[in-house]
């Protein structure tokens, strides 16, 4: 069971890292194009995630398909 939990934790960390990287890219794009207010708003909204990624304190949802 521990191995499965470690795998899930790793997958979640990779997902959060990808989201953080996307957010940083978007902030850079806004800054470079002169849209500093948009870049600042994104930074403020996601500051906690940008500082430190913690998959154990992130809310995760499991979505199941219905018929």
Foldseek 3Di string as FASTA:
>chain_A
DVVVVVVVQVVLQVVLVVVLVVLVVVLVVCVVVPVNVVSVVSCVVCVVSNVDPDSVPDDDDDDDDDD
